[in-house]
């Protein structure tokens, strides 16, 4: 995950990964843990805190959150 952030030429000060139940937003992420069973659907939430160039120094950092819906293949064994 860190490599993906660095690949975007963004200096990340903090990267957080959390899971959320299917249909829920990233606000619900954190306490959920997927079972990784065939056919299961859940969201992966990645929050990155970045320092944005050219913003005044009193603006410490901003956060961006991406939500990605994952469905485990029903035909995966185990």
N, C-alpha and C. Protein backbone atom coordinates (compact mmCIF):
# COMPACT_ATOMS: atom_id res chain seq x y z
N UNK A 1 0.83 -1.17 0.00
CA UNK A 1 0.00 0.00 0.00
C UNK A 1 0.88 1.25 0.00
N UNK A 2 1.94 1.24 0.79
CA UNK A 2 2.84 2.39 0.84
C UNK A 2 3.44 2.67 -0.53
N UNK A 3 3.78 1.61 -1.26
CA UNK A 3 4.34 1.76 -2.60
C UNK A 3 3.34 2.45 -3.53
N UNK A 4 2.07 2.10 -3.42
CA UNK A 4 1.05 2.72 -4.27
C UNK A 4 0.95 4.22 -3.98
N UNK A 5 1.05 4.60 -2.72
CA UNK A 5 0.99 6.02 -2.36
C UNK A 5 2.23 6.74 -2.89
N UNK A 6 3.39 6.15 -2.69
CA UNK A 6 4.62 6.78 -3.16
C UNK A 6 4.65 6.88 -4.68
N UNK A 7 4.03 5.93 -5.37
CA UNK A 7 3.99 5.93 -6.82
C UNK A 7 3.22 7.13 -7.36
N UNK A 8 2.35 7.71 -6.55
CA UNK A 8 1.57 8.87 -6.96
C UNK A 8 2.29 10.18 -6.64
N UNK A 9 3.56 10.08 -6.22
CA UNK A 9 4.37 11.25 -5.87
C UNK A 9 3.75 12.07 -4.75
N UNK A 10 3.11 11.38 -3.82
CA UNK A 10 2.51 12.03 -2.67
C UNK A 10 3.28 11.59 -1.44
N UNK A 11 3.69 12.54 -0.63
CA UNK A 11 4.38 12.20 0.60
C UNK A 11 3.32 11.94 1.67
N UNK A 12 3.14 10.71 1.99
CA UNK A 12 2.12 10.34 2.97
C UNK A 12 2.73 10.32 4.36
N UNK A 13 2.07 11.01 5.28
CA UNK A 13 2.53 10.98 6.66
C UNK A 13 1.83 9.87 7.44
N UNK A 14 0.70 9.43 6.94
CA UNK A 14 -0.05 8.40 7.63
C UNK A 14 -0.95 7.68 6.63
N UNK A 15 -0.89 6.36 6.62
CA UNK A 15 -1.76 5.56 5.76
C UNK A 15 -2.48 4.56 6.66
N UNK A 16 -3.82 4.56 6.61
CA UNK A 16 -4.61 3.64 7.42
C UNK A 16 -5.48 2.78 6.52
N UNK A 17 -5.57 1.50 6.86
CA UNK A 17 -6.38 0.54 6.12
C UNK A 17 -7.42 -0.01 7.08
N UNK A 18 -8.69 -0.05 6.65
CA UNK A 18 -9.76 -0.59 7.48
C UNK A 18 -10.78 -1.27 6.57
N UNK A 19 -11.58 -2.14 7.15
CA UNK A 19 -12.64 -2.84 6.41
C UNK A 19 -14.00 -2.37 6.90
N UNK A 20 -14.98 -2.39 6.00
CA UNK A 20 -16.36 -2.04 6.34
C UNK A 20 -17.29 -3.09 5.75
N UNK A 21 -18.44 -3.33 6.40
CA UNK A 21 -19.41 -4.29 5.86
C UNK A 21 -19.94 -3.82 4.50
N UNK A 22 -20.44 -4.77 3.72
CA UNK A 22 -21.02 -4.45 2.41
C UNK A 22 -22.14 -3.43 2.58
N UNK A 23 -22.14 -2.41 1.74
CA UNK A 23 -23.18 -1.40 1.76
C UNK A 23 -22.95 -0.28 2.76
N UNK A 24 -21.96 -0.42 3.62
CA UNK A 24 -21.67 0.62 4.61
C UNK A 24 -20.58 1.53 4.08
N UNK A 25 -20.57 2.73 4.55
CA UNK A 25 -19.52 3.65 4.17
C UNK A 25 -18.28 3.46 5.02
N UNK A 26 -17.26 4.21 4.71
CA UNK A 26 -16.01 4.11 5.47
C UNK A 26 -16.16 4.63 6.89
N UNK A 27 -17.25 5.34 7.17
CA UNK A 27 -17.50 5.80 8.53
C UNK A 27 -17.67 4.60 9.47
N UNK A 28 -18.17 3.48 8.93
CA UNK A 28 -18.41 2.28 9.73
C UNK A 28 -17.17 1.39 9.81
N UNK A 29 -16.11 1.79 9.16
CA UNK A 29 -14.89 0.97 9.12
C UNK A 29 -14.18 1.00 10.46
N UNK A 30 -13.45 -0.05 10.71
CA UNK A 30 -12.64 -0.09 11.91
C UNK A 30 -12.94 -1.29 12.79
N UNK A 31 -14.19 -1.49 13.13
CA UNK A 31 -14.54 -2.60 14.01
C UNK A 31 -14.90 -3.87 13.25
N UNK A 32 -14.97 -3.77 11.94
CA UNK A 32 -15.39 -4.91 11.11
C UNK A 32 -14.18 -5.69 10.64
N UNK A 33 -14.30 -7.00 10.65
CA UNK A 33 -13.24 -7.86 10.14
C UNK A 33 -13.86 -8.89 9.19
N UNK A 34 -13.49 -8.86 7.90
CA UNK A 34 -14.09 -9.80 6.95
C UNK A 34 -13.68 -11.24 7.26
N UNK A 35 -14.56 -12.17 6.91
CA UNK A 35 -14.29 -13.59 7.14
C UNK A 35 -13.54 -14.21 5.96
N UNK A 36 -13.51 -13.53 4.82
CA UNK A 36 -12.84 -14.00 3.60
C UNK A 36 -13.40 -15.35 3.14
N UNK A 37 -14.73 -15.48 3.21
CA UNK A 37 -15.38 -16.69 2.72
C UNK A 37 -15.83 -16.47 1.28
N UNK A 38 -15.95 -17.55 0.49
CA UNK A 38 -16.38 -17.39 -0.90
C UNK A 38 -17.72 -16.66 -0.99
N UNK A 39 -17.81 -15.68 -1.88
CA UNK A 39 -19.02 -14.91 -2.11
C UNK A 39 -19.18 -13.72 -1.19
N UNK A 40 -18.31 -13.57 -0.22
CA UNK A 40 -18.41 -12.44 0.72
C UNK A 40 -18.10 -11.13 0.00
N UNK A 41 -18.82 -10.08 0.37
CA UNK A 41 -18.59 -8.75 -0.17
C UNK A 41 -18.34 -7.79 0.98
N UNK A 42 -17.33 -6.96 0.84
CA UNK A 42 -17.00 -5.98 1.87
C UNK A 42 -16.24 -4.82 1.22
N UNK A 43 -16.05 -3.77 1.98
CA UNK A 43 -15.31 -2.61 1.47
C UNK A 43 -13.96 -2.51 2.16
N UNK A 44 -12.97 -2.09 1.39
CA UNK A 44 -11.66 -1.77 1.92
C UNK A 44 -11.55 -0.25 1.87
N UNK A 45 -11.26 0.35 3.01
CA UNK A 45 -11.14 1.80 3.10
C UNK A 45 -9.69 2.17 3.37
N UNK A 46 -9.14 3.00 2.50
CA UNK A 46 -7.75 3.45 2.65
C UNK A 46 -7.81 4.96 2.87
N UNK A 47 -7.27 5.40 4.00
CA UNK A 47 -7.20 6.83 4.32
C UNK A 47 -5.74 7.24 4.35
N UNK A 48 -5.44 8.29 3.61
CA UNK A 48 -4.06 8.79 3.50
C UNK A 48 -4.05 10.24 3.98
N UNK A 49 -3.12 10.55 4.86
CA UNK A 49 -2.92 11.92 5.30
C UNK A 49 -1.73 12.47 4.52
N UNK A 50 -1.94 13.58 3.84
CA UNK A 50 -0.89 14.14 2.98
C UNK A 50 -0.65 15.62 3.29
N UNK A 51 0.54 16.04 3.03
CA UNK A 51 0.90 17.47 3.09
C UNK A 51 0.82 17.98 1.66
N UNK A 52 -0.02 18.95 1.42
CA UNK A 52 -0.24 19.46 0.08
C UNK A 52 0.68 20.66 -0.17
N UNK A 53 1.50 20.57 -1.23
CA UNK A 53 2.43 21.66 -1.53
C UNK A 53 1.69 22.97 -1.81
N UNK A 54 2.33 24.07 -1.48
CA UNK A 54 1.88 25.44 -1.73
C UNK A 54 0.76 25.90 -0.81
N UNK A 55 0.30 25.03 0.11
CA UNK A 55 -0.66 25.50 1.10
C UNK A 55 0.11 26.16 2.24
N UNK A 56 -0.51 27.12 2.90
CA UNK A 56 0.18 27.79 4.01
C UNK A 56 0.61 26.79 5.08
N UNK A 57 1.66 27.14 5.82
CA UNK A 57 2.21 26.25 6.84
C UNK A 57 1.22 25.91 7.93
N UNK A 58 0.27 26.82 8.23
CA UNK A 58 -0.68 26.52 9.31
C UNK A 58 -1.66 25.41 8.92
N UNK A 59 -1.72 25.09 7.65
CA UNK A 59 -2.52 23.95 7.21
C UNK A 59 -1.60 22.74 7.27
N UNK A 60 -1.73 21.98 8.33
CA UNK A 60 -0.81 20.86 8.57
C UNK A 60 -0.92 19.78 7.51
N UNK A 61 -2.12 19.25 7.30
CA UNK A 61 -2.29 18.13 6.38
C UNK A 61 -3.76 17.98 6.03
N UNK A 62 -4.02 17.24 5.01
CA UNK A 62 -5.38 16.89 4.60
C UNK A 62 -5.48 15.38 4.51
N UNK A 63 -6.69 14.88 4.60
CA UNK A 63 -6.88 13.44 4.45
C UNK A 63 -7.75 13.16 3.24
N UNK A 64 -7.47 12.04 2.62
CA UNK A 64 -8.28 11.55 1.50
C UNK A 64 -8.58 10.09 1.78
N UNK A 65 -9.82 9.69 1.54
CA UNK A 65 -10.23 8.31 1.78
C UNK A 65 -10.77 7.72 0.49
N UNK A 66 -10.29 6.53 0.16
CA UNK A 66 -10.79 5.78 -0.99
C UNK A 66 -11.50 4.53 -0.50
N UNK A 67 -12.64 4.24 -1.09
CA UNK A 67 -13.40 3.05 -0.72
C UNK A 67 -13.47 2.13 -1.93
N UNK A 68 -13.09 0.88 -1.72
CA UNK A 68 -13.05 -0.09 -2.79
C UNK A 68 -13.88 -1.31 -2.38
N UNK A 69 -14.87 -1.65 -3.19
CA UNK A 69 -15.73 -2.79 -2.89
C UNK A 69 -15.08 -4.06 -3.42
N UNK A 70 -15.00 -5.06 -2.56
CA UNK A 70 -14.36 -6.32 -2.89
C UNK A 70 -15.39 -7.44 -2.76
N UNK A 71 -15.43 -8.31 -3.75
CA UNK A 71 -16.26 -9.51 -3.65
C UNK A 71 -15.35 -10.71 -3.88
N UNK A 72 -15.31 -11.56 -2.91
CA UNK A 72 -14.49 -12.77 -3.03
C UNK A 72 -15.19 -13.74 -3.97
N UNK A 73 -14.44 -14.30 -4.87
CA UNK A 73 -14.98 -15.23 -5.86
C UNK A 73 -15.69 -16.40 -5.17
N UNK A 74 -16.88 -16.72 -5.65
CA UNK A 74 -17.66 -17.82 -5.05
C UNK A 74 -17.02 -19.18 -5.29
N UNK A 75 -16.13 -19.26 -6.26
CA UNK A 75 -15.58 -20.55 -6.65
C UNK A 75 -14.16 -20.77 -6.13
N UNK A 76 -13.75 -19.94 -5.19
CA UNK A 76 -12.43 -20.10 -4.58
C UNK A 76 -12.53 -21.18 -3.52
N UNK A 77 -11.57 -22.06 -3.51
CA UNK A 77 -11.55 -23.15 -2.53
C UNK A 77 -10.77 -22.70 -1.30
N UNK A 78 -11.45 -22.62 -0.16
CA UNK A 78 -10.78 -22.30 1.11
C UNK A 78 -10.52 -20.90 1.31
